[in-house]
Amino acid sequence: MAGWYELSKSNDGQFRFVLKAGNGEVILTSELYRARASAENGIASVQKNSPDEARYELKQAANGKTFFNLLAANHQVIGTSQMYASEASRATGVASVRNCGPTDKIKDLTASA
C-alpha cells in the first residue's frame, strides 16, 4: 500500500504536512508554514527530491539516537524524520520516504482544524 501526505492546520493558523507510510506511520514531518501555498510547495519538493539518495542528511542527536533530514536542491530542510534507535532503523526510514515520497495522494485535513 502506498503512502500519502496529510496537510493540516495548527491552532495558531499555520500549516504543516506529514508523509505517512502505507501502514499509517508518520515517516516525515515538515516545519510550520504561515501560508497554505508554502506547505503545498513543501509537499511538491518532497515529491521531487525524495527519490534522490543524495538529498538525505543523516544525523545523530545528542542522546545518541539517529534521524535524517530531507533536503531540497538549495540544501534547505524540507522535512525531518522521527528519532531512531539504530542506524539500520534509520536506513529503513530513508527507504520508506524514498518509496512513498513521490505519491500524489494528499489528504486535506485543514477544514477540521
PDB file of N, CA and C in Angstrom:
ATOM      1  N   MET A   1       0.835  -1.190   0.000  1.00  0.00           N
ATOM      2  CA  MET A   1       0.000   0.000   0.000  1.00  0.00           C
ATOM      3  C   MET A   1       0.878   1.251   0.000  1.00  0.00           C
ATOM      4  N   ALA A   2       0.550   2.186  -0.858  1.00  0.00           N
ATOM      5  CA  ALA A   2       1.346   3.402  -0.995  1.00  0.00           C
ATOM      6  C   ALA A   2       1.083   4.366   0.158  1.00  0.00           C
ATOM      7  N   GLY A   3       2.005   5.264   0.349  1.00  0.00           N
ATOM      8  CA  GLY A   3       1.857   6.269   1.384  1.00  0.00           C
ATOM      9  C   GLY A   3       1.028   7.441   0.910  1.00  0.00           C
ATOM     10  N   TRP A   4       0.901   8.456   1.774  1.00  0.00           N
ATOM     11  CA  TRP A   4       0.155   9.660   1.451  1.00  0.00           C
ATOM     12  C   TRP A   4       0.620  10.805   2.336  1.00  0.00           C
ATOM     13  N   TYR A   5       0.247  11.991   1.910  1.00  0.00           N
ATOM     14  CA  TYR A   5       0.509  13.203   2.684  1.00  0.00           C
ATOM     15  C   TYR A   5      -0.758  13.601   3.427  1.00  0.00           C
ATOM     16  N   GLU A   6      -0.581  14.180   4.595  1.00  0.00           N
ATOM     17  CA  GLU A   6      -1.681  14.803   5.308  1.00  0.00           C
ATOM     18  C   GLU A   6      -1.308  16.256   5.549  1.00  0.00           C
ATOM     19  N   LEU A   7      -2.123  17.146   5.010  1.00  0.00           N
ATOM     20  CA  LEU A   7      -1.940  18.589   5.163  1.00  0.00           C
ATOM     21  C   LEU A   7      -2.894  19.054   6.256  1.00  0.00           C
ATOM     22  N   SER A   8      -2.347  19.703   7.276  1.00  0.00           N
ATOM     23  CA  SER A   8      -3.183  20.127   8.396  1.00  0.00           C
ATOM     24  C   SER A   8      -2.854  21.562   8.801  1.00  0.00           C
ATOM     25  N   LYS A   9      -3.744  22.100   9.632  1.00  0.00           N
ATOM     26  CA  LYS A   9      -3.606  23.470  10.117  1.00  0.00           C
ATOM     27  C   LYS A   9      -3.530  23.419  11.635  1.00  0.00           C
ATOM     28  N   SER A  10      -2.557  24.128  12.208  1.00  0.00           N
ATOM     29  CA  SER A  10      -2.394  24.151  13.663  1.00  0.00           C
ATOM     30  C   SER A  10      -3.360  25.156  14.279  1.00  0.00           C
ATOM     31  N   ASN A  11      -3.455  25.118  15.588  1.00  0.00           N
ATOM     32  CA  ASN A  11      -4.363  26.023  16.309  1.00  0.00           C
ATOM     33  C   ASN A  11      -4.045  27.495  16.079  1.00  0.00           C
ATOM     34  N   ASP A  12      -2.779  27.798  15.792  1.00  0.00           N
ATOM     35  CA  ASP A  12      -2.405  29.198  15.570  1.00  0.00           C
ATOM     36  C   ASP A  12      -2.488  29.606  14.099  1.00  0.00           C
ATOM     37  N   GLY A  13      -3.093  28.734  13.261  1.00  0.00           N
ATOM     38  CA  GLY A  13      -3.334  29.085  11.868  1.00  0.00           C
ATOM     39  C   GLY A  13      -2.227  28.743  10.905  1.00  0.00           C
ATOM     40  N   GLN A  14      -1.159  28.128  11.380  1.00  0.00           N
ATOM     41  CA  GLN A  14      -0.076  27.742  10.492  1.00  0.00           C
ATOM     42  C   GLN A  14      -0.361  26.359   9.897  1.00  0.00           C
ATOM     43  N   PHE A  15       0.338  26.052   8.814  1.00  0.00           N
ATOM     44  CA  PHE A  15       0.139  24.799   8.095  1.00  0.00           C
ATOM     45  C   PHE A  15       1.360  23.905   8.223  1.00  0.00           C
ATOM     46  N   ARG A  16       1.114  22.591   8.168  1.00  0.00           N
ATOM     47  CA  ARG A  16       2.205  21.621   8.148  1.00  0.00           C
ATOM     48  C   ARG A  16       1.717  20.401   7.390  1.00  0.00           C
ATOM     49  N   PHE A  17       2.666  19.577   7.004  1.00  0.00           N
ATOM     50  CA  PHE A  17       2.296  18.303   6.397  1.00  0.00           C
ATOM     51  C   PHE A  17       3.144  17.200   6.996  1.00  0.00           C
ATOM     52  N   VAL A  18       2.600  16.013   6.941  1.00  0.00           N
ATOM     53  CA  VAL A  18       3.354  14.815   7.278  1.00  0.00           C
ATOM     54  C   VAL A  18       3.231  13.864   6.105  1.00  0.00           C
ATOM     55  N   LEU A  19       4.235  13.035   5.933  1.00  0.00           N
ATOM     56  CA  LEU A  19       4.194  11.941   4.976  1.00  0.00           C
ATOM     57  C   LEU A  19       4.007  10.677   5.778  1.00  0.00           C
ATOM     58  N   LYS A  20       3.003   9.906   5.409  1.00  0.00           N
ATOM     59  CA  LYS A  20       2.735   8.654   6.099  1.00  0.00           C
ATOM     60  C   LYS A  20       3.018   7.481   5.181  1.00  0.00           C
ATOM     61  N   ALA A  21       3.541   6.409   5.777  1.00  0.00           N
ATOM     62  CA  ALA A  21       3.756   5.164   5.052  1.00  0.00           C
ATOM     63  C   ALA A  21       2.412   4.462   4.862  1.00  0.00           C
ATOM     64  N   GLY A  22       2.397   3.439   4.060  1.00  0.00           N
ATOM     65  CA  GLY A  22       1.181   2.700   3.798  1.00  0.00           C
ATOM     66  C   GLY A  22       0.508   2.151   5.039  1.00  0.00           C
ATOM     67  N   ASN A  23       1.282   1.927   6.103  1.00  0.00           N
ATOM     68  CA  ASN A  23       0.720   1.411   7.358  1.00  0.00           C
ATOM     69  C   ASN A  23       0.208   2.529   8.272  1.00  0.00           C
ATOM     70  N   GLY A  24       0.274   3.786   7.797  1.00  0.00           N
ATOM     71  CA  GLY A  24      -0.229   4.916   8.569  1.00  0.00           C
ATOM     72  C   GLY A  24       0.786   5.568   9.486  1.00  0.00           C
ATOM     73  N   GLU A  25       1.993   5.038   9.536  1.00  0.00           N
ATOM     74  CA  GLU A  25       3.028   5.606  10.404  1.00  0.00           C
ATOM     75  C   GLU A  25       3.621   6.866   9.778  1.00  0.00           C
ATOM     76  N   VAL A  26       3.800   7.911  10.587  1.00  0.00           N
ATOM     77  CA  VAL A  26       4.433   9.149  10.111  1.00  0.00           C
ATOM     78  C   VAL A  26       5.908   8.875   9.861  1.00  0.00           C
ATOM     79  N   ILE A  27       6.364   9.178   8.643  1.00  0.00           N
ATOM     80  CA  ILE A  27       7.764   8.933   8.303  1.00  0.00           C
ATOM     81  C   ILE A  27       8.539  10.219   7.998  1.00  0.00           C
ATOM     82  N   LEU A  28       7.825  11.335   7.852  1.00  0.00           N
ATOM     83  CA  LEU A  28       8.485  12.621   7.607  1.00  0.00           C
ATOM     84  C   LEU A  28       7.532  13.728   8.053  1.00  0.00           C
ATOM     85  N   THR A  29       8.079  14.738   8.741  1.00  0.00           N
ATOM     86  CA  THR A  29       7.283  15.855   9.233  1.00  0.00           C
ATOM     87  C   THR A  29       7.894  17.158   8.740  1.00  0.00           C
ATOM     88  N   SER A  30       7.045  18.064   8.291  1.00  0.00           N
ATOM     89  CA  SER A  30       7.524  19.361   7.810  1.00  0.00           C
ATOM     90  C   SER A  30       7.639  20.355   8.952  1.00  0.00           C
ATOM     91  N   GLU A  31       8.204  21.499   8.625  1.00  0.00           N
ATOM     92  CA  GLU A  31       8.177  22.646   9.533  1.00  0.00           C
ATOM     93  C   GLU A  31       6.778  23.265   9.470  1.00  0.00           C
ATOM     94  N   LEU A  32       6.528  24.276  10.265  1.00  0.00           N
ATOM     95  CA  LEU A  32       5.279  25.033  10.177  1.00  0.00           C
ATOM     96  C   LEU A  32       5.433  26.120   9.120  1.00  0.00           C
ATOM     97  N   TYR A  33       4.376  26.312   8.345  1.00  0.00           N
ATOM     98  CA  TYR A  33       4.354  27.334   7.297  1.00  0.00           C
ATOM     99  C   TYR A  33       3.231  28.322   7.594  1.00  0.00           C
ATOM    100  N   ARG A  34       3.463  29.598   7.350  1.00  0.00           N
ATOM    101  CA  ARG A  34       2.420  30.604   7.570  1.00  0.00           C
ATOM    102  C   ARG A  34       1.318  30.513   6.514  1.00  0.00           C
ATOM    103  N   ALA A  35       1.699  30.137   5.305  1.00  0.00           N
ATOM    104  CA  ALA A  35       0.737  30.094   4.196  1.00  0.00           C
ATOM    105  C   ALA A  35       0.528  28.667   3.705  1.00  0.00           C
ATOM    106  N   ARG A  36      -0.708  28.364   3.349  1.00  0.00           N
ATOM    107  CA  ARG A  36      -1.045  27.048   2.807  1.00  0.00           C
ATOM    108  C   ARG A  36      -0.227  26.748   1.549  1.00  0.00           C
ATOM    109  N   ALA A  37      -0.079  27.751   0.682  1.00  0.00           N
ATOM    110  CA  ALA A  37       0.664  27.548  -0.564  1.00  0.00           C
ATOM    111  C   ALA A  37       2.107  27.132  -0.276  1.00  0.00           C
ATOM    112  N   SER A  38       2.695  27.647   0.779  1.00  0.00           N
ATOM    113  CA  SER A  38       4.066  27.269   1.138  1.00  0.00           C
ATOM    114  C   SER A  38       4.132  25.802   1.548  1.00  0.00           C
ATOM    115  N   ALA A  39       3.141  25.341   2.312  1.00  0.00           N
ATOM    116  CA  ALA A  39       3.092  23.928   2.694  1.00  0.00           C
ATOM    117  C   ALA A  39       2.894  23.051   1.464  1.00  0.00           C
ATOM    118  N   GLU A  40       2.048  23.487   0.553  1.00  0.00           N
ATOM    119  CA  GLU A  40       1.836  22.732  -0.688  1.00  0.00           C
ATOM    120  C   GLU A  40       3.113  22.681  -1.515  1.00  0.00           C
ATOM    121  N   ASN A  41       3.868  23.775  -1.537  1.00  0.00           N
ATOM    122  CA  ASN A  41       5.166  23.781  -2.226  1.00  0.00           C
ATOM    123  C   ASN A  41       6.137  22.824  -1.548  1.00  0.00           C
ATOM    124  N   GLY A  42       6.056  22.717  -0.209  1.00  0.00           N
ATOM    125  CA  GLY A  42       6.888  21.765   0.525  1.00  0.00           C
ATOM    126  C   GLY A  42       6.580  20.333   0.126  1.00  0.00           C
ATOM    127  N   ILE A  43       5.302  20.013  -0.013  1.00  0.00           N
ATOM    128  CA  ILE A  43       4.910  18.670  -0.471  1.00  0.00           C
ATOM    129  C   ILE A  43       5.480  18.406  -1.863  1.00  0.00           C
ATOM    130  N   ALA A  44       5.345  19.374  -2.758  1.00  0.00           N
ATOM    131  CA  ALA A  44       5.880  19.217  -4.116  1.00  0.00           C
ATOM    132  C   ALA A  44       7.391  18.997  -4.091  1.00  0.00           C
ATOM    133  N   SER A  45       8.067  19.663  -3.179  1.00  0.00           N
ATOM    134  CA  SER A  45       9.512  19.495  -3.061  1.00  0.00           C
ATOM    135  C   SER A  45       9.871  18.094  -2.565  1.00  0.00           C
ATOM    136  N   VAL A  46       9.101  17.558  -1.612  1.00  0.00           N
ATOM    137  CA  VAL A  46       9.333  16.184  -1.157  1.00  0.00           C
ATOM    138  C   VAL A  46       9.090  15.221  -2.312  1.00  0.00           C
ATOM    139  N   GLN A  47       8.009  15.431  -3.053  1.00  0.00           N
ATOM    140  CA  GLN A  47       7.703  14.554  -4.181  1.00  0.00           C
ATOM    141  C   GLN A  47       8.866  14.528  -5.178  1.00  0.00           C
ATOM    142  N   LYS A  48       9.471  15.669  -5.407  1.00  0.00           N
ATOM    143  CA  LYS A  48      10.568  15.783  -6.373  1.00  0.00           C
ATOM    144  C   LYS A  48      11.888  15.232  -5.825  1.00  0.00           C
ATOM    145  N   ASN A  49      12.206  15.552  -4.571  1.00  0.00           N
ATOM    146  CA  ASN A  49      13.526  15.259  -4.027  1.00  0.00           C
ATOM    147  C   ASN A  49      13.655  13.925  -3.304  1.00  0.00           C
ATOM    148  N   SER A  50      12.555  13.347  -2.845  1.00  0.00           N
ATOM    149  CA  SER A  50      12.639  12.136  -2.022  1.00  0.00           C
ATOM    150  C   SER A  50      13.269  10.930  -2.723  1.00  0.00           C
ATOM    151  N   PRO A  51      13.128  10.750  -4.038  1.00  0.00           N
ATOM    152  CA  PRO A  51      13.772   9.584  -4.653  1.00  0.00           C
ATOM    153  C   PRO A  51      15.308   9.664  -4.714  1.00  0.00           C
ATOM    154  N   ASP A  52      15.872  10.847  -4.548  1.00  0.00           N
ATOM    155  CA  ASP A  52      17.309  11.081  -4.709  1.00  0.00           C
ATOM    156  C   ASP A  52      18.057  10.827  -3.394  1.00  0.00           C
ATOM    157  N   GLU A  53      18.830   9.760  -3.354  1.00  0.00           N
ATOM    158  CA  GLU A  53      19.559   9.383  -2.139  1.00  0.00           C
ATOM    159  C   GLU A  53      20.474  10.498  -1.639  1.00  0.00           C
ATOM    160  N   ALA A  54      20.976  11.317  -2.554  1.00  0.00           N
ATOM    161  CA  ALA A  54      21.888  12.400  -2.178  1.00  0.00           C
ATOM    162  C   ALA A  54      21.195  13.512  -1.394  1.00  0.00           C
ATOM    163  N   ARG A  55      19.877  13.537  -1.367  1.00  0.00           N
ATOM    164  CA  ARG A  55      19.132  14.590  -0.678  1.00  0.00           C
ATOM    165  C   ARG A  55      18.923  14.304   0.814  1.00  0.00           C
ATOM    166  N   TYR A  56      19.444  13.186   1.302  1.00  0.00           N
ATOM    167  CA  TYR A  56      19.241  12.813   2.699  1.00  0.00           C
ATOM    168  C   TYR A  56      20.456  13.165   3.528  1.00  0.00           C
ATOM    169  N   GLU A  57      20.218  13.895   4.596  1.00  0.00           N
ATOM    170  CA  GLU A  57      21.254  14.290   5.544  1.00  0.00           C
ATOM    171  C   GLU A  57      21.067  13.409   6.787  1.00  0.00           C
ATOM    172  N   LEU A  58      22.020  12.502   6.999  1.00  0.00           N
ATOM    173  CA  LEU A  58      21.943  11.561   8.122  1.00  0.00           C
ATOM    174  C   LEU A  58      22.564  12.212   9.350  1.00  0.00           C
ATOM    175  N   LYS A  59      21.802  12.217  10.449  1.00  0.00           N
ATOM    176  CA  LYS A  59      22.223  12.950  11.640  1.00  0.00           C
ATOM    177  C   LYS A  59      22.145  12.052  12.881  1.00  0.00           C
ATOM    178  N   GLN A  60      22.829  12.508  13.930  1.00  0.00           N
ATOM    179  CA  GLN A  60      22.742  11.842  15.227  1.00  0.00           C
ATOM    180  C   GLN A  60      22.475  12.908  16.280  1.00  0.00           C
ATOM    181  N   ALA A  61      21.463  12.648  17.113  1.00  0.00           N
ATOM    182  CA  ALA A  61      21.091  13.582  18.179  1.00  0.00           C
ATOM    183  C   ALA A  61      22.046  13.429  19.362  1.00  0.00           C
ATOM    184  N   ALA A  62      22.018  14.397  20.257  1.00  0.00           N
ATOM    185  CA  ALA A  62      22.885  14.371  21.437  1.00  0.00           C
ATOM    186  C   ALA A  62      22.630  13.143  22.311  1.00  0.00           C
ATOM    187  N   ASN A  63      21.414  12.608  22.264  1.00  0.00           N
ATOM    188  CA  ASN A  63      21.085  11.433  23.078  1.00  0.00           C
ATOM    189  C   ASN A  63      21.501  10.114  22.421  1.00  0.00           C
ATOM    190  N   GLY A  64      22.181  10.203  21.257  1.00  0.00           N
ATOM    191  CA  GLY A  64      22.667   9.007  20.582  1.00  0.00           C
ATOM    192  C   GLY A  64      21.714   8.427  19.556  1.00  0.00           C
ATOM    193  N   LYS A  65      20.473   8.897  19.543  1.00  0.00           N
ATOM    194  CA  LYS A  65      19.524   8.394  18.550  1.00  0.00           C
ATOM    195  C   LYS A  65      19.835   9.019  17.200  1.00  0.00           C
ATOM    196  N   THR A  66      19.391   8.341  16.146  1.00  0.00           N
ATOM    197  CA  THR A  66      19.663   8.821  14.795  1.00  0.00           C
ATOM    198  C   THR A  66      18.376   9.326  14.153  1.00  0.00           C
ATOM    199  N   PHE A  67      18.540  10.209  13.167  1.00  0.00           N
ATOM    200  CA  PHE A  67      17.413  10.725  12.398  1.00  0.00           C
ATOM    201  C   PHE A  67      17.953  11.233  11.078  1.00  0.00           C
ATOM    202  N   PHE A  68      17.063  11.697  10.220  1.00  0.00           N
ATOM    203  CA  PHE A  68      17.515  12.274   8.958  1.00  0.00           C
ATOM    204  C   PHE A  68      16.651  13.466   8.589  1.00  0.00           C
ATOM    205  N   ASN A  69      17.256  14.321   7.777  1.00  0.00           N
ATOM    206  CA  ASN A  69      16.547  15.434   7.150  1.00  0.00           C
ATOM    207  C   ASN A  69      16.526  15.177   5.655  1.00  0.00           C
ATOM    208  N   LEU A  70      15.421  15.527   5.023  1.00  0.00           N
ATOM    209  CA  LEU A  70      15.344  15.531   3.565  1.00  0.00           C
ATOM    210  C   LEU A  70      15.592  16.956   3.117  1.00  0.00           C
ATOM    211  N   LEU A  71      16.540  17.138   2.214  1.00  0.00           N
ATOM    212  CA  LEU A  71      16.946  18.467   1.768  1.00  0.00           C
ATOM    213  C   LEU A  71      16.497  18.741   0.342  1.00  0.00           C
ATOM    214  N   ALA A  72      16.184  20.001   0.075  1.00  0.00           N
ATOM    215  CA  ALA A  72      15.903  20.454  -1.278  1.00  0.00           C
ATOM    216  C   ALA A  72      17.240  20.686  -1.990  1.00  0.00           C
ATOM    217  N   ALA A  73      17.166  20.989  -3.278  1.00  0.00           N
ATOM    218  CA  ALA A  73      18.380  21.242  -4.063  1.00  0.00           C
ATOM    219  C   ALA A  73      19.192  22.401  -3.486  1.00  0.00           C
ATOM    220  N   ASN A  74      18.526  23.362  -2.831  1.00  0.00           N
ATOM    221  CA  ASN A  74      19.221  24.509  -2.246  1.00  0.00           C
ATOM    222  C   ASN A  74      19.716  24.227  -0.821  1.00  0.00           C
ATOM    223  N   HIS A  75      19.638  22.966  -0.396  1.00  0.00           N
ATOM    224  CA  HIS A  75      20.107  22.489   0.909  1.00  0.00           C
ATOM    225  C   HIS A  75      19.215  22.908   2.081  1.00  0.00           C
ATOM    226  N   GLN A  76      18.038  23.439   1.799  1.00  0.00           N
ATOM    227  CA  GLN A  76      17.077  23.753   2.855  1.00  0.00           C
ATOM    228  C   GLN A  76      16.386  22.461   3.300  1.00  0.00           C
ATOM    229  N   VAL A  77      16.118  22.347   4.594  1.00  0.00           N
ATOM    230  CA  VAL A  77      15.425  21.165   5.117  1.00  0.00           C
ATOM    231  C   VAL A  77      13.961  21.227   4.695  1.00  0.00           C
ATOM    232  N   ILE A  78      13.489  20.158   4.062  1.00  0.00           N
ATOM    233  CA  ILE A  78      12.081  20.061   3.663  1.00  0.00           C
ATOM    234  C   ILE A  78      11.290  19.332   4.739  1.00  0.00           C
ATOM    235  N   GLY A  79      11.905  18.310   5.315  1.00  0.00           N
ATOM    236  CA  GLY A  79      11.225  17.514   6.325  1.00  0.00           C
ATOM    237  C   GLY A  79      12.226  16.764   7.179  1.00  0.00           C
ATOM    238  N   THR A  80      11.766  16.341   8.358  1.00  0.00           N
ATOM    239  CA  THR A  80      12.611  15.645   9.322  1.00  0.00           C
ATOM    240  C   THR A  80      11.922  14.357   9.747  1.00  0.00           C
ATOM    241  N   SER A  81      12.725  13.336   9.948  1.00  0.00           N
ATOM    242  CA  SER A  81      12.204  12.041  10.380  1.00  0.00           C
ATOM    243  C   SER A  81      11.999  12.008  11.883  1.00  0.00           C
ATOM    244  N   GLN A  82      11.467  10.908  12.341  1.00  0.00           N
ATOM    245  CA  GLN A  82      11.406  10.622  13.767  1.00  0.00           C
ATOM    246  C   GLN A  82      12.799  10.237  14.236  1.00  0.00           C
ATOM    247  N   MET A  83      12.963  10.019  15.514  1.00  0.00           N
ATOM    248  CA  MET A  83      14.220   9.519  16.065  1.00  0.00           C
ATOM    249  C   MET A  83      14.227   7.990  15.981  1.00  0.00           C
ATOM    250  N   TYR A  84      15.363   7.450  15.627  1.00  0.00           N
ATOM    251  CA  TYR A  84      15.528   6.002  15.503  1.00  0.00           C
ATOM    252  C   TYR A  84      16.574   5.518  16.502  1.00  0.00           C
ATOM    253  N   ALA A  85      16.403   4.288  16.971  1.00  0.00           N
ATOM    254  CA  ALA A  85      17.326   3.702  17.946  1.00  0.00           C
ATOM    255  C   ALA A  85      18.624   3.246  17.302  1.00  0.00           C
ATOM    256  N   SER A  86      18.607   2.984  15.997  1.00  0.00           N
ATOM    257  CA  SER A  86      19.808   2.467  15.341  1.00  0.00           C
ATOM    258  C   SER A  86      19.941   3.036  13.934  1.00  0.00           C
ATOM    259  N   GLU A  87      21.149   2.938  13.386  1.00  0.00           N
ATOM    260  CA  GLU A  87      21.379   3.369  12.011  1.00  0.00           C
ATOM    261  C   GLU A  87      20.610   2.493  11.033  1.00  0.00           C
ATOM    262  N   ALA A  88      20.456   1.211  11.347  1.00  0.00           N
ATOM    263  CA  ALA A  88      19.700   0.303  10.475  1.00  0.00           C
ATOM    264  C   ALA A  88      18.231   0.724  10.398  1.00  0.00           C
ATOM    265  N   SER A  89      17.662   1.106  11.542  1.00  0.00           N
ATOM    266  CA  SER A  89      16.267   1.572  11.553  1.00  0.00           C
ATOM    267  C   SER A  89      16.135   2.859  10.750  1.00  0.00           C
ATOM    268  N   ARG A  90      17.115   3.743  10.899  1.00  0.00           N
ATOM    269  CA  ARG A  90      17.096   4.990  10.125  1.00  0.00           C
ATOM    270  C   ARG A  90      17.156   4.699   8.640  1.00  0.00           C
ATOM    271  N   ALA A  91      17.987   3.745   8.237  1.00  0.00           N
ATOM    272  CA  ALA A  91      18.098   3.379   6.822  1.00  0.00           C
ATOM    273  C   ALA A  91      16.763   2.876   6.284  1.00  0.00           C
ATOM    274  N   THR A  92      16.040   2.132   7.101  1.00  0.00           N
ATOM    275  CA  THR A  92      14.714   1.663   6.708  1.00  0.00           C
ATOM    276  C   THR A  92      13.773   2.856   6.540  1.00  0.00           C
ATOM    277  N   GLY A  93      13.887   3.849   7.426  1.00  0.00           N
ATOM    278  CA  GLY A  93      13.080   5.063   7.324  1.00  0.00           C
ATOM    279  C   GLY A  93      13.368   5.836   6.050  1.00  0.00           C
ATOM    280  N   VAL A  94      14.636   5.970   5.698  1.00  0.00           N
ATOM    281  CA  VAL A  94      15.019   6.646   4.454  1.00  0.00           C
ATOM    282  C   VAL A  94      14.410   5.905   3.264  1.00  0.00           C
ATOM    283  N   ALA A  95      14.519   4.585   3.259  1.00  0.00           N
ATOM    284  CA  ALA A  95      13.968   3.789   2.160  1.00  0.00           C
ATOM    285  C   ALA A  95      12.463   3.987   2.044  1.00  0.00           C
ATOM    286  N   SER A  96      11.791   4.098   3.174  1.00  0.00           N
ATOM    287  CA  SER A  96      10.350   4.301   3.170  1.00  0.00           C
ATOM    288  C   SER A  96       9.985   5.662   2.581  1.00  0.00           C
ATOM    289  N   VAL A  97      10.722   6.713   2.945  1.00  0.00           N
ATOM    290  CA  VAL A  97      10.461   8.042   2.386  1.00  0.00           C
ATOM    291  C   VAL A  97      10.784   8.051   0.894  1.00  0.00           C
ATOM    292  N   ARG A  98      11.850   7.392   0.490  1.00  0.00           N
ATOM    293  CA  ARG A  98      12.194   7.326  -0.938  1.00  0.00           C
ATOM    294  C   ARG A  98      11.080   6.637  -1.725  1.00  0.00           C
ATOM    295  N   ASN A  99      10.470   5.622  -1.115  1.00  0.00           N
ATOM    296  CA  ASN A  99       9.417   4.867  -1.768  1.00  0.00           C
ATOM    297  C   ASN A  99       8.082   5.624  -1.782  1.00  0.00           C
ATOM    298  N   CYS A 100       7.711   6.210  -0.651  1.00  0.00           N
ATOM    299  CA  CYS A 100       6.399   6.850  -0.507  1.00  0.00           C
ATOM    300  C   CYS A 100       6.371   8.314  -0.932  1.00  0.00           C
ATOM    301  N   GLY A 101       7.507   8.978  -0.893  1.00  0.00           N
ATOM    302  CA  GLY A 101       7.557  10.418  -1.161  1.00  0.00           C
ATOM    303  C   GLY A 101       6.982  10.867  -2.489  1.00  0.00           C
ATOM    304  N   PRO A 102       7.186  10.134  -3.574  1.00  0.00           N
ATOM    305  CA  PRO A 102       6.675  10.598  -4.865  1.00  0.00           C
ATOM    306  C   PRO A 102       5.153  10.545  -5.020  1.00  0.00           C
ATOM    307  N   THR A 103       4.437   9.966  -4.079  1.00  0.00           N
ATOM    308  CA  THR A 103       2.987   9.832  -4.219  1.00  0.00           C
ATOM    309  C   THR A 103       2.297  11.179  -4.421  1.00  0.00           C
ATOM    310  N   ASP A 104       1.200  11.166  -5.150  1.00  0.00           N
ATOM    311  CA  ASP A 104       0.427  12.387  -5.337  1.00  0.00           C
ATOM    312  C   ASP A 104      -0.840  12.387  -4.478  1.00  0.00           C
ATOM    313  N   LYS A 105      -0.958  11.421  -3.578  1.00  0.00           N
ATOM    314  CA  LYS A 105      -2.135  11.328  -2.711  1.00  0.00           C
ATOM    315  C   LYS A 105      -1.964  12.266  -1.513  1.00  0.00           C
ATOM    316  N   ILE A 106      -2.858  13.251  -1.421  1.00  0.00           N
ATOM    317  CA  ILE A 106      -2.814  14.238  -0.340  1.00  0.00           C
ATOM    318  C   ILE A 106      -4.178  14.273   0.334  1.00  0.00           C
ATOM    319  N   LYS A 107      -4.189  14.069   1.641  1.00  0.00           N
ATOM    320  CA  LYS A 107      -5.412  14.184   2.426  1.00  0.00           C
ATOM    321  C   LYS A 107      -5.421  15.567   3.063  1.00  0.00           C
ATOM    322  N   ASP A 108      -6.415  16.355   2.717  1.00  0.00           N
ATOM    323  CA  ASP A 108      -6.522  17.724   3.226  1.00  0.00           C
ATOM    324  C   ASP A 108      -7.319  17.707   4.528  1.00  0.00           C
ATOM    325  N   LEU A 109      -6.621  17.923   5.643  1.00  0.00           N
ATOM    326  CA  LEU A 109      -7.250  17.932   6.951  1.00  0.00           C
ATOM    327  C   LEU A 109      -7.443  19.350   7.484  1.00  0.00           C
ATOM    328  N   THR A 110      -7.242  20.359   6.643  1.00  0.00           N
ATOM    329  CA  THR A 110      -7.268  21.740   7.114  1.00  0.00           C
ATOM    330  C   THR A 110      -8.663  22.195   7.533  1.00  0.00           C
ATOM    331  N   ALA A 111      -9.711  21.605   6.981  1.00  0.00           N
ATOM    332  CA  ALA A 111     -11.067  22.011   7.336  1.00  0.00           C
ATOM    333  C   ALA A 111     -11.446  21.562   8.740  1.00  0.00           C
ATOM    334  N   SER A 112     -10.733  20.530   9.251  1.00  0.00           N
ATOM    335  CA  SER A 112     -11.068  20.002  10.575  1.00  0.00           C
ATOM    336  C   SER A 112     -10.323  20.717  11.693  1.00  0.00           C
ATOM    337  N   ALA A 113      -9.463  21.669  11.349  1.00  0.00           N
ATOM    338  CA  ALA A 113      -8.692  22.380  12.391  1.00  0.00           C
ATOM    339  C   ALA A 113      -9.428  23.613  12.858  1.00  0.00           C
TER     340      ALA A 113
END
